[in-house]
Amino acid sequence: MESDGAARPTARLGPVTRSRVRRVSGSAVRDRRDDLATEEPLEIRLLAGGESRTVAITMRTPGADFELAAGFLHGEGIAGPGDIAAIGYCTDEDLDPEARYNTVTVRLTATRLPDLGAAARNFLTSSACGVCGTASLDALRDRCAVPAARTPVAVSATTLYGLPDRLREAQGVFGRTGGLHAAGLFTPDGTPLAVREDVGRHNAVDKLVGWAMLGGRTPLDRHVLLVSGRVGYEIMQKAASAGIQIVCAVSAPSSLAVDLAREFGVTLVGFLREERFNIYACPDRIEVGRIEAEQAETA
């Protein structure tokens, strides 16, 4: 059997993997090199008091792995600001070199591992579905109660119209591969603060939250989150955990994402493209022009 041209790594992986493809266009056939978005597993381990435990294995695009681990732990309510002492790649000598860069150990400030309770699990998550079905709404309510008072945030429709282009401009790996999701964090005036890419849309959000947490920038209640695809339960869970008040997506939200946005007081915008969008929850934070009431259909 012929090789597909994609060699297995022997060292630290990057976000892009070179491969060979056969491109067919009409009657023309051409063999050429192509760039693929790298997809590899990342094992996240917790370390405290000399005891270690694996809490997650997720498929991701290498890059910002420490942010991904921190953001994941934050979204799951396992570790927040001040709970992490250090993050590093695994140094176990019995691991292959590439596996060491696919394993991240998070050392906690606590002297013992936390009691994960209902969240306790060793699981494999895919780049597509995040942690589907693993977190109950009750647990989310316990750790993400709606604040009694929030700093008011308002964003104009004109500002929102410009966000997708700014997100796309910062997607360097997508420009080479065409195969990655992105999440961007913006100020209310549309200034981009950070953009992260990944094969998993939920991973891109974890990387952003991890970036903010490790840099002492949480909570993110004065920021706007934009994701490049659809927005589902996992993304709304992570946004609510980080205190984000405005979440936008270039595609559709799921029904559960809308329910969560309404319950936790998060403004949810979908189908943000070509100077149009829908507001599914908490519309008062979006400054728009004259609102025209839809005429009721008559029989």
C-alpha atoms as a PDB file:
ATOM      1  CA  MET A   1       0.000   0.000   0.000  1.00  0.00           C
ATOM      2  CA  GLU A   2       1.289   3.443  -0.905  1.00  0.00           C
ATOM      3  CA  SER A   3       1.873   5.983   1.816  1.00  0.00           C
ATOM      4  CA  ASP A   4      -0.391   9.042   1.837  1.00  0.00           C
ATOM      5  CA  GLY A   5       2.692  11.169   2.332  1.00  0.00           C
ATOM      6  CA  ALA A   6       1.900  12.237   5.881  1.00  0.00           C
ATOM      7  CA  ALA A   7       4.751  11.141   8.142  1.00  0.00           C
ATOM      8  CA  ARG A   8       4.240  10.487  11.836  1.00  0.00           C
ATOM      9  CA  PRO A   9       6.031  13.008  14.032  1.00  0.00           C
ATOM     10  CA  THR A  10       9.113  12.265  16.075  1.00  0.00           C
ATOM     11  CA  ALA A  11       9.225  15.570  17.961  1.00  0.00           C
ATOM     12  CA  ARG A  12       7.009  18.422  19.029  1.00  0.00           C
ATOM     13  CA  LEU A  13       4.084  18.955  16.676  1.00  0.00           C
ATOM     14  CA  GLY A  14       2.987  22.197  15.085  1.00  0.00           C
ATOM     15  CA  PRO A  15      -0.497  23.322  14.044  1.00  0.00           C
ATOM     16  CA  VAL A  16       0.114  22.396  10.394  1.00  0.00           C
ATOM     17  CA  THR A  17       1.083  19.007   8.902  1.00  0.00           C
ATOM     18  CA  ARG A  18       2.380  18.644   5.335  1.00  0.00           C
ATOM     19  CA  SER A  19       0.851  15.956   3.147  1.00  0.00           C
ATOM     20  CA  ARG A  20       0.494  14.942  -0.510  1.00  0.00           C
ATOM     21  CA  VAL A  21      -2.783  15.265  -2.372  1.00  0.00           C
ATOM     22  CA  ARG A  22      -4.029  14.526  -5.864  1.00  0.00           C
ATOM     23  CA  ARG A  23      -6.054  17.486  -7.069  1.00  0.00           C
ATOM     24  CA  VAL A  24      -8.628  16.874  -9.781  1.00  0.00           C
ATOM     25  CA  SER A  25     -10.181  19.799 -11.649  1.00  0.00           C
ATOM     26  CA  GLY A  26     -12.266  18.902 -14.656  1.00  0.00           C
ATOM     27  CA  SER A  27     -10.030  16.602 -16.727  1.00  0.00           C
ATOM     28  CA  ALA A  28      -6.793  17.915 -15.189  1.00  0.00           C
ATOM     29  CA  VAL A  29      -5.002  15.859 -12.527  1.00  0.00           C
ATOM     30  CA  ARG A  30      -2.081  17.160 -10.483  1.00  0.00           C
ATOM     31  CA  ASP A  31      -0.110  15.748  -7.546  1.00  0.00           C
ATOM     32  CA  ARG A  32       0.981  18.398  -5.091  1.00  0.00           C
ATOM     33  CA  ARG A  33       1.753  19.174  -1.472  1.00  0.00           C
ATOM     34  CA  ASP A  34      -0.957  20.397   0.833  1.00  0.00           C
ATOM     35  CA  ASP A  35      -1.195  21.738   4.382  1.00  0.00           C
ATOM     36  CA  LEU A  36      -3.482  19.965   6.837  1.00  0.00           C
ATOM     37  CA  ALA A  37      -4.651  21.157  10.230  1.00  0.00           C
ATOM     38  CA  THR A  38      -2.875  18.942  12.752  1.00  0.00           C
ATOM     39  CA  GLU A  39      -5.131  16.890  15.004  1.00  0.00           C
ATOM     40  CA  GLU A  40      -3.563  15.060  17.948  1.00  0.00           C
ATOM     41  CA  PRO A  41      -4.722  13.960  21.408  1.00  0.00           C
ATOM     42  CA  LEU A  42      -3.910  16.025  24.476  1.00  0.00           C
ATOM     43  CA  GLU A  43      -3.985  14.358  27.881  1.00  0.00           C
ATOM     44  CA  ILE A  44      -4.585  16.730  30.794  1.00  0.00           C
ATOM     45  CA  ARG A  45      -3.259  15.581  34.161  1.00  0.00           C
ATOM     46  CA  LEU A  46      -3.696  17.119  37.593  1.00  0.00           C
ATOM     47  CA  LEU A  47      -0.879  17.013  40.161  1.00  0.00           C
ATOM     48  CA  ALA A  48      -1.218  17.889  43.847  1.00  0.00           C
ATOM     49  CA  GLY A  49       0.467  16.583  46.963  1.00  0.00           C
ATOM     50  CA  GLY A  50       2.587  14.153  44.960  1.00  0.00           C
ATOM     51  CA  GLU A  51      -0.517  12.490  43.487  1.00  0.00           C
ATOM     52  CA  SER A  52      -1.344  12.615  39.780  1.00  0.00           C
ATOM     53  CA  ARG A  53      -4.609  12.008  37.939  1.00  0.00           C
ATOM     54  CA  THR A  54      -5.729  12.205  34.319  1.00  0.00           C
ATOM     55  CA  VAL A  55      -8.927  14.245  34.018  1.00  0.00           C
ATOM     56  CA  ALA A  56      -9.349  14.543  30.252  1.00  0.00           C
ATOM     57  CA  ILE A  57      -8.120  13.495  26.849  1.00  0.00           C
ATOM     58  CA  THR A  58      -9.228  15.753  24.023  1.00  0.00           C
ATOM     59  CA  MET A  59      -8.414  15.896  20.330  1.00  0.00           C
ATOM     60  CA  ARG A  60      -6.901  19.271  19.524  1.00  0.00           C
ATOM     61  CA  THR A  61      -4.622  21.272  17.242  1.00  0.00           C
ATOM     62  CA  PRO A  62      -1.199  21.651  18.938  1.00  0.00           C
ATOM     63  CA  GLY A  63      -0.467  25.162  20.103  1.00  0.00           C
ATOM     64  CA  ALA A  64      -1.487  27.093  23.232  1.00  0.00           C
ATOM     65  CA  ASP A  65      -1.729  23.730  25.018  1.00  0.00           C
ATOM     66  CA  PHE A  66      -1.230  25.245  28.463  1.00  0.00           C
ATOM     67  CA  GLU A  67      -4.012  27.749  27.799  1.00  0.00           C
ATOM     68  CA  LEU A  68      -6.233  24.913  26.595  1.00  0.00           C
ATOM     69  CA  ALA A  69      -5.641  22.940  29.787  1.00  0.00           C
ATOM     70  CA  ALA A  70      -6.255  25.946  32.029  1.00  0.00           C
ATOM     71  CA  GLY A  71      -9.370  26.973  30.127  1.00  0.00           C
ATOM     72  CA  PHE A  72     -10.772  23.444  30.222  1.00  0.00           C
ATOM     73  CA  LEU A  73     -10.260  23.176  33.982  1.00  0.00           C
ATOM     74  CA  HIS A  74     -11.849  26.594  34.469  1.00  0.00           C
ATOM     75  CA  GLY A  75     -14.900  25.710  32.387  1.00  0.00           C
ATOM     76  CA  GLU A  76     -15.372  22.457  34.277  1.00  0.00           C
ATOM     77  CA  GLY A  77     -15.154  24.189  37.640  1.00  0.00           C
ATOM     78  CA  ILE A  78     -12.050  22.199  38.587  1.00  0.00           C
ATOM     79  CA  ALA A  79      -9.500  25.031  38.844  1.00  0.00           C
ATOM     80  CA  GLY A  80      -9.889  28.780  38.712  1.00  0.00           C
ATOM     81  CA  PRO A  81      -7.597  31.788  39.049  1.00  0.00           C
ATOM     82  CA  GLY A  82      -5.087  31.177  41.809  1.00  0.00           C
ATOM     83  CA  ASP A  83      -5.562  27.401  41.831  1.00  0.00           C
ATOM     84  CA  ILE A  84      -2.763  26.631  39.342  1.00  0.00           C
ATOM     85  CA  ALA A  85       0.852  26.694  40.467  1.00  0.00           C
ATOM     86  CA  ALA A  86       2.488  25.574  37.214  1.00  0.00           C
ATOM     87  CA  ILE A  87       1.746  23.912  33.882  1.00  0.00           C
ATOM     88  CA  GLY A  88       4.246  21.843  31.897  1.00  0.00           C
ATOM     89  CA  TYR A  89       4.596  19.052  29.390  1.00  0.00           C
ATOM     90  CA  CYS A  90       5.087  15.562  30.738  1.00  0.00           C
ATOM     91  CA  THR A  91       8.683  14.530  31.407  1.00  0.00           C
ATOM     92  CA  ASP A  92       8.103  10.796  31.934  1.00  0.00           C
ATOM     93  CA  GLU A  93      11.067   9.013  30.393  1.00  0.00           C
ATOM     94  CA  ASP A  94       8.957   6.013  29.384  1.00  0.00           C
ATOM     95  CA  LEU A  95       6.919   8.134  26.965  1.00  0.00           C
ATOM     96  CA  ASP A  96       7.831   8.533  23.309  1.00  0.00           C
ATOM     97  CA  PRO A  97       9.104  12.041  22.460  1.00  0.00           C
ATOM     98  CA  GLU A  98       5.933  13.027  20.591  1.00  0.00           C
ATOM     99  CA  ALA A  99       3.736  11.748  23.431  1.00  0.00           C
ATOM    100  CA  ARG A 100       5.474  14.054  25.899  1.00  0.00           C
ATOM    101  CA  TYR A 101       4.163  17.030  23.965  1.00  0.00           C
ATOM    102  CA  ASN A 102       0.704  15.483  23.923  1.00  0.00           C
ATOM    103  CA  THR A 103       0.515  15.333  27.722  1.00  0.00           C
ATOM    104  CA  VAL A 104       0.158  18.385  29.951  1.00  0.00           C
ATOM    105  CA  THR A 105       0.500  18.277  33.720  1.00  0.00           C
ATOM    106  CA  VAL A 106      -1.217  20.990  35.743  1.00  0.00           C
ATOM    107  CA  ARG A 107       0.239  21.369  39.223  1.00  0.00           C
ATOM    108  CA  LEU A 108      -2.281  22.798  41.645  1.00  0.00           C
ATOM    109  CA  THR A 109      -1.584  25.065  44.590  1.00  0.00           C
ATOM    110  CA  ALA A 110      -3.598  22.724  46.806  1.00  0.00           C
ATOM    111  CA  THR A 111      -1.861  20.027  48.836  1.00  0.00           C
ATOM    112  CA  ARG A 112      -4.227  17.330  47.571  1.00  0.00           C
ATOM    113  CA  LEU A 113      -6.227  16.585  44.469  1.00  0.00           C
ATOM    114  CA  PRO A 114      -9.736  18.037  44.507  1.00  0.00           C
ATOM    115  CA  ASP A 115     -12.777  15.879  45.032  1.00  0.00           C
ATOM    116  CA  LEU A 116     -14.254  16.035  41.570  1.00  0.00           C
ATOM    117  CA  GLY A 117     -17.544  14.553  42.718  1.00  0.00           C
ATOM    118  CA  ALA A 118     -19.992  14.188  39.834  1.00  0.00           C
ATOM    119  CA  ALA A 119     -17.340  15.465  37.430  1.00  0.00           C
ATOM    120  CA  ALA A 120     -14.933  12.646  38.287  1.00  0.00           C
ATOM    121  CA  ARG A 121     -14.097  10.740  35.111  1.00  0.00           C
ATOM    122  CA  ASN A 122     -11.439   9.636  32.730  1.00  0.00           C
ATOM    123  CA  PHE A 123     -12.870  10.260  29.305  1.00  0.00           C
ATOM    124  CA  LEU A 124     -12.025  10.765  25.665  1.00  0.00           C
ATOM    125  CA  THR A 125     -13.535  13.870  24.095  1.00  0.00           C
ATOM    126  CA  SER A 126     -13.524  14.491  20.376  1.00  0.00           C
ATOM    127  CA  SER A 127     -12.661  17.720  18.609  1.00  0.00           C
ATOM    128  CA  ALA A 128     -16.286  17.990  17.531  1.00  0.00           C
ATOM    129  CA  CYS A 129     -18.385  17.405  20.629  1.00  0.00           C
ATOM    130  CA  GLY A 130     -16.406  18.649  23.610  1.00  0.00           C
ATOM    131  CA  VAL A 131     -17.693  17.245  26.862  1.00  0.00           C
ATOM    132  CA  CYS A 132     -21.205  16.485  25.646  1.00  0.00           C
ATOM    133  CA  GLY A 133     -23.431  15.099  28.351  1.00  0.00           C
ATOM    134  CA  THR A 134     -20.831  15.143  31.108  1.00  0.00           C
ATOM    135  CA  ALA A 135     -21.867  18.291  32.977  1.00  0.00           C
ATOM    136  CA  SER A 136     -25.354  18.638  34.372  1.00  0.00           C
ATOM    137  CA  LEU A 137     -27.274  21.873  34.314  1.00  0.00           C
ATOM    138  CA  ASP A 138     -27.511  21.764  38.097  1.00  0.00           C
ATOM    139  CA  ALA A 139     -23.726  21.704  38.435  1.00  0.00           C
ATOM    140  CA  LEU A 140     -23.456  24.602  36.001  1.00  0.00           C
ATOM    141  CA  ARG A 141     -25.998  26.586  38.003  1.00  0.00           C
ATOM    142  CA  ASP A 142     -24.031  25.967  41.203  1.00  0.00           C
ATOM    143  CA  ARG A 143     -20.820  27.488  39.879  1.00  0.00           C
ATOM    144  CA  CYS A 144     -22.167  30.008  37.367  1.00  0.00           C
ATOM    145  CA  ALA A 145     -24.883  31.819  39.272  1.00  0.00           C
ATOM    146  CA  VAL A 146     -25.965  35.009  37.521  1.00  0.00           C
ATOM    147  CA  PRO A 147     -24.210  37.924  39.294  1.00  0.00           C
ATOM    148  CA  ALA A 148     -26.544  40.200  41.200  1.00  0.00           C
ATOM    149  CA  ALA A 149     -24.947  43.239  39.559  1.00  0.00           C
ATOM    150  CA  ARG A 150     -22.895  43.386  36.399  1.00  0.00           C
ATOM    151  CA  THR A 151     -21.047  46.256  34.807  1.00  0.00           C
ATOM    152  CA  PRO A 152     -23.302  47.338  31.939  1.00  0.00           C
ATOM    153  CA  VAL A 153     -21.930  46.411  28.512  1.00  0.00           C
ATOM    154  CA  ALA A 154     -23.277  47.776  25.257  1.00  0.00           C
ATOM    155  CA  VAL A 155     -22.135  46.997  21.715  1.00  0.00           C
ATOM    156  CA  SER A 156     -23.368  48.656  18.561  1.00  0.00           C
ATOM    157  CA  ALA A 157     -24.632  46.705  15.586  1.00  0.00           C
ATOM    158  CA  THR A 158     -22.000  48.446  13.472  1.00  0.00           C
ATOM    159  CA  THR A 159     -19.272  47.077  15.737  1.00  0.00           C
ATOM    160  CA  LEU A 160     -20.663  43.558  15.479  1.00  0.00           C
ATOM    161  CA  TYR A 161     -20.725  43.763  11.682  1.00  0.00           C
ATOM    162  CA  GLY A 162     -16.943  44.217  11.654  1.00  0.00           C
ATOM    163  CA  LEU A 163     -16.043  41.349  13.992  1.00  0.00           C
ATOM    164  CA  PRO A 164     -16.130  38.403  11.519  1.00  0.00           C
ATOM    165  CA  ASP A 165     -13.605  40.082   9.209  1.00  0.00           C
ATOM    166  CA  ARG A 166     -11.312  40.860  12.135  1.00  0.00           C
ATOM    167  CA  LEU A 167     -11.545  37.265  13.307  1.00  0.00           C
ATOM    168  CA  ARG A 168     -10.800  35.948   9.835  1.00  0.00           C
ATOM    169  CA  GLU A 169      -7.783  38.256   9.438  1.00  0.00           C
ATOM    170  CA  ALA A 170      -6.227  36.736  12.568  1.00  0.00           C
ATOM    171  CA  GLN A 171      -6.738  33.100  11.467  1.00  0.00           C
ATOM    172  CA  GLY A 172      -3.260  32.376  10.195  1.00  0.00           C
ATOM    173  CA  VAL A 173      -3.533  28.578  10.255  1.00  0.00           C
ATOM    174  CA  PHE A 174      -6.998  28.578   8.688  1.00  0.00           C
ATOM    175  CA  GLY A 175      -5.578  30.564   5.802  1.00  0.00           C
ATOM    176  CA  ARG A 176      -3.156  27.701   5.105  1.00  0.00           C
ATOM    177  CA  THR A 177      -5.425  24.739   5.789  1.00  0.00           C
ATOM    178  CA  GLY A 178      -9.060  25.840   5.588  1.00  0.00           C
ATOM    179  CA  GLY A 179      -9.802  23.342   8.349  1.00  0.00           C
ATOM    180  CA  LEU A 180      -9.928  25.108  11.706  1.00  0.00           C
ATOM    181  CA  HIS A 181     -12.422  26.790  13.969  1.00  0.00           C
ATOM    182  CA  ALA A 182     -11.586  30.061  15.674  1.00  0.00           C
ATOM    183  CA  ALA A 183     -12.676  32.004  18.732  1.00  0.00           C
ATOM    184  CA  GLY A 184     -11.907  35.655  19.292  1.00  0.00           C
ATOM    185  CA  LEU A 185     -12.125  37.929  22.292  1.00  0.00           C
ATOM    186  CA  PHE A 186     -12.951  41.587  21.628  1.00  0.00           C
ATOM    187  CA  THR A 187     -13.554  44.760  23.580  1.00  0.00           C
ATOM    188  CA  PRO A 188     -16.993  46.402  23.288  1.00  0.00           C
ATOM    189  CA  ASP A 189     -15.592  48.807  20.676  1.00  0.00           C
ATOM    190  CA  GLY A 190     -14.446  45.891  18.497  1.00  0.00           C
ATOM    191  CA  THR A 191     -10.745  45.874  19.344  1.00  0.00           C
ATOM    192  CA  PRO A 192      -9.393  42.297  19.051  1.00  0.00           C
ATOM    193  CA  LEU A 193      -7.546  41.114  22.164  1.00  0.00           C
ATOM    194  CA  ALA A 194      -6.802  37.473  21.353  1.00  0.00           C
ATOM    195  CA  VAL A 195      -7.739  34.873  18.743  1.00  0.00           C
ATOM    196  CA  ARG A 196      -7.192  31.132  19.055  1.00  0.00           C
ATOM    197  CA  GLU A 197      -7.665  28.366  16.469  1.00  0.00           C
ATOM    198  CA  ASP A 198      -8.339  24.653  16.836  1.00  0.00           C
ATOM    199  CA  VAL A 199      -9.989  21.708  15.111  1.00  0.00           C
ATOM    200  CA  GLY A 200     -12.473  21.773  18.003  1.00  0.00           C
ATOM    201  CA  ARG A 201     -14.589  24.895  18.395  1.00  0.00           C
ATOM    202  CA  HIS A 202     -14.830  24.283  22.143  1.00  0.00           C
ATOM    203  CA  ASN A 203     -11.022  23.961  22.350  1.00  0.00           C
ATOM    204  CA  ALA A 204     -10.594  27.373  20.732  1.00  0.00           C
ATOM    205  CA  VAL A 205     -12.783  28.862  23.461  1.00  0.00           C
ATOM    206  CA  ASP A 206     -10.866  26.996  26.184  1.00  0.00           C
ATOM    207  CA  LYS A 207      -7.613  28.426  24.822  1.00  0.00           C
ATOM    208  CA  LEU A 208      -9.013  31.947  25.018  1.00  0.00           C
ATOM    209  CA  VAL A 209     -10.300  31.503  28.561  1.00  0.00           C
ATOM    210  CA  GLY A 210      -7.004  29.896  29.561  1.00  0.00           C
ATOM    211  CA  TRP A 211      -5.089  32.818  28.046  1.00  0.00           C
ATOM    212  CA  ALA A 212      -7.169  35.217  30.093  1.00  0.00           C
ATOM    213  CA  MET A 213      -6.978  33.201  33.306  1.00  0.00           C
ATOM    214  CA  LEU A 214      -3.225  32.662  33.188  1.00  0.00           C
ATOM    215  CA  GLY A 215      -2.739  36.361  32.463  1.00  0.00           C
ATOM    216  CA  GLY A 216      -4.936  37.526  35.345  1.00  0.00           C
ATOM    217  CA  ARG A 217      -7.603  38.902  32.980  1.00  0.00           C
ATOM    218  CA  THR A 218     -10.677  37.081  34.318  1.00  0.00           C
ATOM    219  CA  PRO A 219     -13.580  37.552  34.723  1.00  0.00           C
ATOM    220  CA  LEU A 220     -14.323  38.495  31.135  1.00  0.00           C
ATOM    221  CA  ASP A 221     -17.504  40.428  31.831  1.00  0.00           C
ATOM    222  CA  ARG A 222     -16.357  43.394  29.718  1.00  0.00           C
ATOM    223  CA  HIS A 223     -15.633  41.373  26.600  1.00  0.00           C
ATOM    224  CA  VAL A 224     -17.348  39.979  23.510  1.00  0.00           C
ATOM    225  CA  LEU A 225     -16.748  36.386  22.376  1.00  0.00           C
ATOM    226  CA  LEU A 226     -17.062  35.491  18.687  1.00  0.00           C
ATOM    227  CA  VAL A 227     -16.867  31.912  17.391  1.00  0.00           C
ATOM    228  CA  SER A 228     -16.433  30.995  13.745  1.00  0.00           C
ATOM    229  CA  GLY A 229     -19.051  28.228  13.603  1.00  0.00           C
ATOM    230  CA  ARG A 230     -22.194  27.302  15.439  1.00  0.00           C
ATOM    231  CA  VAL A 231     -22.599  27.742  19.191  1.00  0.00           C
ATOM    232  CA  GLY A 232     -23.825  24.868  21.328  1.00  0.00           C
ATOM    233  CA  TYR A 233     -24.167  24.003  24.990  1.00  0.00           C
ATOM    234  CA  GLU A 234     -20.431  23.534  25.611  1.00  0.00           C
ATOM    235  CA  ILE A 235     -19.502  26.979  24.338  1.00  0.00           C
ATOM    236  CA  MET A 236     -22.256  28.670  26.330  1.00  0.00           C
ATOM    237  CA  GLN A 237     -21.135  26.734  29.411  1.00  0.00           C
ATOM    238  CA  LYS A 238     -17.578  27.989  29.008  1.00  0.00           C
ATOM    239  CA  ALA A 239     -18.700  31.547  28.297  1.00  0.00           C
ATOM    240  CA  ALA A 240     -20.956  31.635  31.356  1.00  0.00           C
ATOM    241  CA  SER A 241     -18.172  30.212  33.535  1.00  0.00           C
ATOM    242  CA  ALA A 242     -15.848  33.013  32.375  1.00  0.00           C
ATOM    243  CA  GLY A 243     -18.435  35.729  32.992  1.00  0.00           C
ATOM    244  CA  ILE A 244     -18.770  36.693  29.313  1.00  0.00           C
ATOM    245  CA  GLN A 245     -21.919  38.731  28.707  1.00  0.00           C
ATOM    246  CA  ILE A 246     -22.052  38.771  24.890  1.00  0.00           C
ATOM    247  CA  VAL A 247     -21.503  35.684  22.722  1.00  0.00           C
ATOM    248  CA  CYS A 248     -21.664  35.875  18.930  1.00  0.00           C
ATOM    249  CA  ALA A 249     -21.468  33.188  16.258  1.00  0.00           C
ATOM    250  CA  VAL A 250     -21.309  33.332  12.486  1.00  0.00           C
ATOM    251  CA  SER A 251     -23.624  30.320  12.361  1.00  0.00           C
ATOM    252  CA  ALA A 252     -26.611  29.031  14.292  1.00  0.00           C
ATOM    253  CA  PRO A 253     -27.070  28.393  18.012  1.00  0.00           C
ATOM    254  CA  SER A 254     -28.571  25.205  19.363  1.00  0.00           C
ATOM    255  CA  SER A 255     -31.782  25.211  21.383  1.00  0.00           C
ATOM    256  CA  LEU A 256     -29.927  24.396  24.597  1.00  0.00           C
ATOM    257  CA  ALA A 257     -27.433  27.207  23.955  1.00  0.00           C
ATOM    258  CA  VAL A 258     -30.360  29.636  23.725  1.00  0.00           C
ATOM    259  CA  ASP A 259     -31.885  28.242  26.915  1.00  0.00           C
ATOM    260  CA  LEU A 260     -28.607  28.666  28.783  1.00  0.00           C
ATOM    261  CA  ALA A 261     -28.080  32.183  27.447  1.00  0.00           C
ATOM    262  CA  ARG A 262     -31.510  33.235  28.668  1.00  0.00           C
ATOM    263  CA  GLU A 263     -31.107  31.582  32.063  1.00  0.00           C
ATOM    264  CA  PHE A 264     -27.674  33.053  32.743  1.00  0.00           C
ATOM    265  CA  GLY A 265     -28.350  36.475  31.275  1.00  0.00           C
ATOM    266  CA  VAL A 266     -25.941  36.191  28.325  1.00  0.00           C
ATOM    267  CA  THR A 267     -26.640  38.047  25.094  1.00  0.00           C
ATOM    268  CA  LEU A 268     -26.527  35.498  22.279  1.00  0.00           C
ATOM    269  CA  VAL A 269     -26.116  36.569  18.660  1.00  0.00           C
ATOM    270  CA  GLY A 270     -26.215  34.116  15.757  1.00  0.00           C
ATOM    271  CA  PHE A 271     -25.788  34.235  11.977  1.00  0.00           C
ATOM    272  CA  LEU A 272     -23.479  37.261  12.292  1.00  0.00           C
ATOM    273  CA  ARG A 273     -22.485  37.762   8.658  1.00  0.00           C
ATOM    274  CA  GLU A 274     -22.905  40.220   5.801  1.00  0.00           C
ATOM    275  CA  GLU A 275     -24.172  42.988   8.061  1.00  0.00           C
ATOM    276  CA  ARG A 276     -27.016  41.018   9.558  1.00  0.00           C
ATOM    277  CA  PHE A 277     -27.574  38.897  12.662  1.00  0.00           C
ATOM    278  CA  ASN A 278     -30.225  37.419  14.939  1.00  0.00           C
ATOM    279  CA  ILE A 279     -30.383  38.084  18.678  1.00  0.00           C
ATOM    280  CA  TYR A 280     -31.643  35.025  20.551  1.00  0.00           C
ATOM    281  CA  ALA A 281     -31.272  36.174  24.158  1.00  0.00           C
ATOM    282  CA  CYS A 282     -30.878  39.390  26.162  1.00  0.00           C
ATOM    283  CA  PRO A 283     -31.078  41.856  23.235  1.00  0.00           C
ATOM    284  CA  ASP A 284     -30.749  45.008  25.347  1.00  0.00           C
ATOM    285  CA  ARG A 285     -26.935  44.968  25.205  1.00  0.00           C
ATOM    286  CA  ILE A 286     -26.955  45.422  21.418  1.00  0.00           C
ATOM    287  CA  GLU A 287     -27.497  48.979  20.210  1.00  0.00           C
ATOM    288  CA  VAL A 288     -29.519  48.927  17.013  1.00  0.00           C
ATOM    289  CA  GLY A 289     -31.523  51.432  15.035  1.00  0.00           C
ATOM    290  CA  ARG A 290     -35.284  51.600  14.725  1.00  0.00           C
ATOM    291  CA  ILE A 291     -36.947  48.284  15.521  1.00  0.00           C
ATOM    292  CA  GLU A 292     -39.670  47.310  13.128  1.00  0.00           C
ATOM    293  CA  ALA A 293     -42.269  44.959  14.547  1.00  0.00           C
ATOM    294  CA  GLU A 294     -42.973  41.951  12.385  1.00  0.00           C
ATOM    295  CA  GLN A 295     -46.445  42.072  10.972  1.00  0.00           C
ATOM    296  CA  ALA A 296     -48.619  39.210  12.133  1.00  0.00           C
ATOM    297  CA  GLU A 297     -49.933  37.041   9.347  1.00  0.00           C
ATOM    298  CA  THR A 298     -53.644  37.097   8.884  1.00  0.00           C
ATOM    299  CA  ALA A 299     -55.679  34.151   7.763  1.00  0.00           C
END
